[in-house]
Structure formats: structure tokens, C-alpha cells
């Protein structure tokens, strides 16, 4: 029973990582995809996914006009990494 539960959680986790990786690639070209990616990662404590969240948060600086917002976005993402 314990092995089955572990395998089920591993499959779910792998699917989530693939989904986030695909969103991450699209976030380079789309602010909406970057926001969606951050939203999907809002309640994670997985270290790998926190790395993606940090990178996307830094990437959001590209979409801001204000230098202060750019710097804030960069620093927030840097803390997550």
C-alpha cells in the first residue's frame, strides 16, 4: 500500500513539473503565461518548483516599465533562488 501511494505521488509530481517546465518556456514570450506560472507555484514547497518560481519572478522584470518594480521583481526572485 505504501509503495503504491509513493508511486502515485511521484507520477503526480512529475506531471506537475512537466506542466511548469512548459509554462516556463512560454513565459519568456508571454506575460500572461509568466503570471499563470507564478500563480500555479504560489503554494509549493518543492525546492525544484521554488527554483522555477524564482526564475519566473525575475523574468517578470522584463514586463514592467518602472525601474523600481523591475528591481523589486528581481530581488524577490533572487530570494527564492
Protein backbone atom coordinates (compact mmCIF):
# COMPACT_ATOMS: atom_id res chain seq x y z
CA UNK A 1 0.00 0.00 0.00
CA UNK A 2 2.80 2.43 0.91
CA UNK A 3 4.66 1.72 -2.34
CA UNK A 4 1.52 2.35 -4.39
CA UNK A 5 0.96 5.71 -2.67
CA UNK A 6 4.59 6.69 -3.26
CA UNK A 7 4.32 5.83 -6.97
CA UNK A 8 1.06 7.75 -7.28
CA UNK A 9 2.60 10.85 -5.67
CA UNK A 10 5.70 10.55 -7.86
CA UNK A 11 3.61 10.45 -11.04
CA UNK A 12 1.56 13.47 -9.95
CA UNK A 13 4.71 15.38 -9.04
CA UNK A 14 6.34 14.54 -12.38
CA UNK A 15 3.27 15.71 -14.30
CA UNK A 16 3.29 19.00 -12.36
CA UNK A 17 6.99 19.53 -13.10
CA UNK A 18 6.44 18.93 -16.83
CA UNK A 19 3.49 21.36 -16.82
CA UNK A 20 5.53 24.05 -15.03
CA UNK A 21 8.52 23.50 -17.33
CA UNK A 22 6.30 24.04 -20.38
CA UNK A 23 4.76 27.18 -18.86
CA UNK A 24 8.26 28.43 -18.01
CA UNK A 25 9.33 28.14 -21.65
CA UNK A 26 6.24 30.07 -22.77
CA UNK A 27 6.72 32.71 -20.05
CA UNK A 28 9.76 34.03 -21.90
CA UNK A 29 7.43 35.36 -24.61
CA UNK A 30 4.19 35.98 -22.71
CA UNK A 31 3.50 37.99 -19.58
CA UNK A 32 0.20 36.13 -19.16
CA UNK A 33 1.99 32.76 -19.13
CA UNK A 34 4.51 34.09 -16.61
CA UNK A 35 1.69 35.22 -14.30
CA UNK A 36 -0.05 31.87 -14.72
CA UNK A 37 3.15 30.05 -13.86
CA UNK A 38 3.64 32.13 -10.69
CA UNK A 39 0.00 31.54 -9.74
CA UNK A 40 0.37 27.77 -10.12
CA UNK A 41 3.50 27.86 -7.97
CA UNK A 42 2.03 30.03 -5.22
CA UNK A 43 1.56 27.21 -2.68
CA UNK A 44 4.54 24.98 -3.35
CA UNK A 45 7.34 23.98 -1.01
CA UNK A 46 9.12 21.72 -3.53
CA UNK A 47 12.67 23.04 -3.96
CA UNK A 48 12.73 22.44 -7.72
CA UNK A 49 9.43 24.26 -8.21
CA UNK A 50 10.60 27.12 -5.97
CA UNK A 51 13.55 27.48 -8.33
CA UNK A 52 11.18 27.83 -11.26
CA UNK A 53 9.11 30.34 -9.30
CA UNK A 54 12.22 32.40 -8.55
CA UNK A 55 13.31 32.37 -12.18
CA UNK A 56 9.86 33.38 -13.45
CA UNK A 57 9.65 36.13 -10.82
CA UNK A 58 12.96 37.51 -12.08
CA UNK A 59 11.71 37.13 -15.65
CA UNK A 60 8.66 39.28 -14.79
CA UNK A 61 11.02 42.26 -14.54
CA UNK A 62 11.08 42.25 -18.35
CA UNK A 63 7.39 43.08 -18.42
CA UNK A 64 7.48 46.04 -16.00
CA UNK A 65 8.09 49.64 -17.09
CA UNK A 66 9.04 51.10 -13.71
CA UNK A 67 12.64 50.60 -12.67
CA UNK A 68 11.55 50.17 -9.04
CA UNK A 69 9.14 47.37 -9.99
CA UNK A 70 11.86 45.75 -12.09
CA UNK A 71 14.28 45.85 -9.17
CA UNK A 72 11.65 44.58 -6.73
CA UNK A 73 10.79 41.69 -9.05
CA UNK A 74 14.46 40.81 -9.45
CA UNK A 75 15.13 40.89 -5.71
CA UNK A 76 12.03 38.83 -4.90
CA UNK A 77 13.05 36.17 -7.38
CA UNK A 78 16.63 36.21 -6.15
CA UNK A 79 15.44 35.45 -2.61
CA UNK A 80 13.56 32.39 -3.88
CA UNK A 81 16.64 31.06 -5.62
